[in-house]
Amino acid sequence: MNIYGARRAKPPHMHGARFDAMCHQIREAMARKPWRTAMSPRTVLILGGVHKGLQTEEIVAACRAMYEDYAPVRACNKVLFRIFLRMLARVEDAQQPGPTE
């Protein structure tokens, strides 16, 4: 905090490192889960776009720059990150067989 009680912003490289860690976590989760066979075509559409975006370095770099420079983007990205991980968890849950009687 500064003398006025305001928090000091983190340097952009720290935000970028966090962004890269989130991308890495999503990439790993997508590699482990059978998301292409998700229960909903809409889920497949969304996760397919995320997968394609994570493979395109220009898109990742542009998103990282936005994440580093704009606090509202960081806040929204945290929400999106949780949503993507929840979607992947639902895909995994749908793939597991139910209990047998």
Protein backbone atom coordinates (compact mmCIF):
# COMPACT_ATOMS: atom_id res chain seq x y z
CA MET A 1 0.00 0.00 0.00
CA ASN A 2 1.11 3.52 -0.62
CA ILE A 3 0.81 6.43 1.82
CA TYR A 4 -2.77 7.08 0.66
CA GLY A 5 -3.95 3.56 1.45
CA ALA A 6 -4.20 2.45 -2.17
CA ARG A 7 -2.74 -0.86 -3.19
CA ARG A 8 0.17 -0.73 -5.57
CA ALA A 9 -0.31 -2.58 -8.82
CA LYS A 10 1.75 -5.66 -9.49
CA PRO A 11 4.25 -5.41 -12.33
CA PRO A 12 2.82 -6.65 -15.65
CA HIS A 13 5.20 -9.63 -15.76
CA MET A 14 3.63 -10.98 -12.55
CA HIS A 15 0.17 -10.82 -14.12
CA GLY A 16 1.54 -12.45 -17.26
CA ALA A 17 3.00 -15.30 -15.23
CA ARG A 18 -0.41 -15.87 -13.62
CA PHE A 19 -2.08 -15.81 -17.04
CA ASP A 20 0.44 -18.34 -18.40
CA ALA A 21 -0.17 -20.61 -15.40
CA MET A 22 -3.94 -20.53 -16.00
CA CYS A 23 -3.44 -21.33 -19.70
CA HIS A 24 -1.16 -24.22 -18.76
CA GLN A 25 -3.73 -25.58 -16.30
CA ILE A 26 -6.50 -25.45 -18.90
CA ARG A 27 -4.26 -27.09 -21.54
CA GLU A 28 -3.43 -29.91 -19.13
CA ALA A 29 -7.07 -30.42 -18.16
CA MET A 30 -8.12 -30.49 -21.83
CA ALA A 31 -5.42 -33.06 -22.59
CA ARG A 32 -6.72 -35.36 -19.81
CA LYS A 33 -10.46 -35.06 -20.47
CA PRO A 34 -12.50 -36.38 -23.42
CA TRP A 35 -14.07 -32.96 -24.05
CA ARG A 36 -14.70 -33.62 -27.76
CA THR A 37 -17.41 -36.07 -26.71
CA ALA A 38 -19.09 -33.68 -24.30
CA MET A 39 -22.78 -34.11 -23.67
CA SER A 40 -23.70 -30.81 -25.30
CA PRO A 41 -22.78 -29.54 -28.79
CA ARG A 42 -22.59 -26.07 -27.26
CA THR A 43 -20.01 -27.24 -24.69
CA VAL A 44 -17.97 -28.82 -27.49
CA LEU A 45 -18.21 -25.55 -29.45
CA ILE A 46 -16.96 -23.48 -26.49
CA LEU A 47 -14.19 -25.87 -25.47
CA GLY A 48 -13.16 -26.31 -29.11
CA GLY A 49 -12.72 -22.55 -29.42
CA VAL A 50 -10.72 -22.43 -26.20
CA HIS A 51 -8.55 -25.29 -27.44
CA LYS A 52 -7.94 -23.61 -30.80
CA GLY A 53 -7.19 -20.26 -29.12
CA LEU A 54 -4.65 -21.85 -26.79
CA GLN A 55 -2.86 -23.32 -29.82
CA THR A 56 -2.60 -19.94 -31.58
CA GLU A 57 0.31 -17.98 -30.13
CA GLU A 58 -0.94 -14.63 -31.48
CA ILE A 59 -4.24 -15.07 -29.64
CA VAL A 60 -2.52 -16.13 -26.42
CA ALA A 61 -0.11 -13.17 -26.65
CA ALA A 62 -2.94 -10.69 -27.25
CA CYS A 63 -4.96 -12.11 -24.35
CA ARG A 64 -1.87 -12.03 -22.10
CA ALA A 65 -1.26 -8.35 -22.95
CA MET A 66 -4.89 -7.49 -22.15
CA TYR A 67 -4.65 -9.48 -18.89
CA GLU A 68 -1.44 -7.67 -17.92
CA ASP A 69 -2.70 -4.18 -18.73
CA TYR A 70 -6.37 -4.10 -17.69
CA ALA A 71 -7.68 -4.98 -14.22
CA PRO A 72 -11.27 -5.60 -15.46
CA VAL A 73 -9.92 -8.17 -17.92
CA ARG A 74 -8.11 -9.93 -15.07
CA ALA A 75 -11.32 -10.05 -13.04
CA CYS A 76 -13.35 -11.43 -15.95
CA ASN A 77 -10.63 -13.90 -16.85
CA LYS A 78 -10.69 -15.40 -13.35
CA VAL A 79 -14.42 -16.04 -13.76
CA LEU A 80 -13.95 -17.54 -17.24
CA PHE A 81 -11.12 -19.72 -15.98
CA ARG A 82 -13.37 -21.21 -13.29
CA ILE A 83 -16.17 -21.73 -15.82
CA PHE A 84 -13.86 -23.59 -18.24
CA LEU A 85 -12.59 -25.86 -15.47
CA ARG A 86 -16.19 -26.52 -14.33
CA MET A 87 -17.18 -27.39 -17.91
CA LEU A 88 -14.29 -29.83 -18.13
CA ALA A 89 -15.27 -31.37 -14.79
CA ARG A 90 -18.85 -31.86 -16.03
CA VAL A 91 -17.51 -33.58 -19.14
CA GLU A 92 -15.53 -35.96 -16.96
CA ASP A 93 -18.55 -36.59 -14.69
CA ALA A 94 -20.74 -37.39 -17.70
CA GLN A 95 -18.18 -39.93 -18.97
CA GLN A 96 -18.07 -41.92 -15.72
CA PRO A 97 -20.49 -44.84 -15.53
CA GLY A 98 -23.22 -44.63 -12.93
CA PRO A 99 -23.54 -47.07 -10.03
CA THR A 100 -24.80 -50.52 -10.93
CA GLU A 101 -27.64 -52.14 -9.08
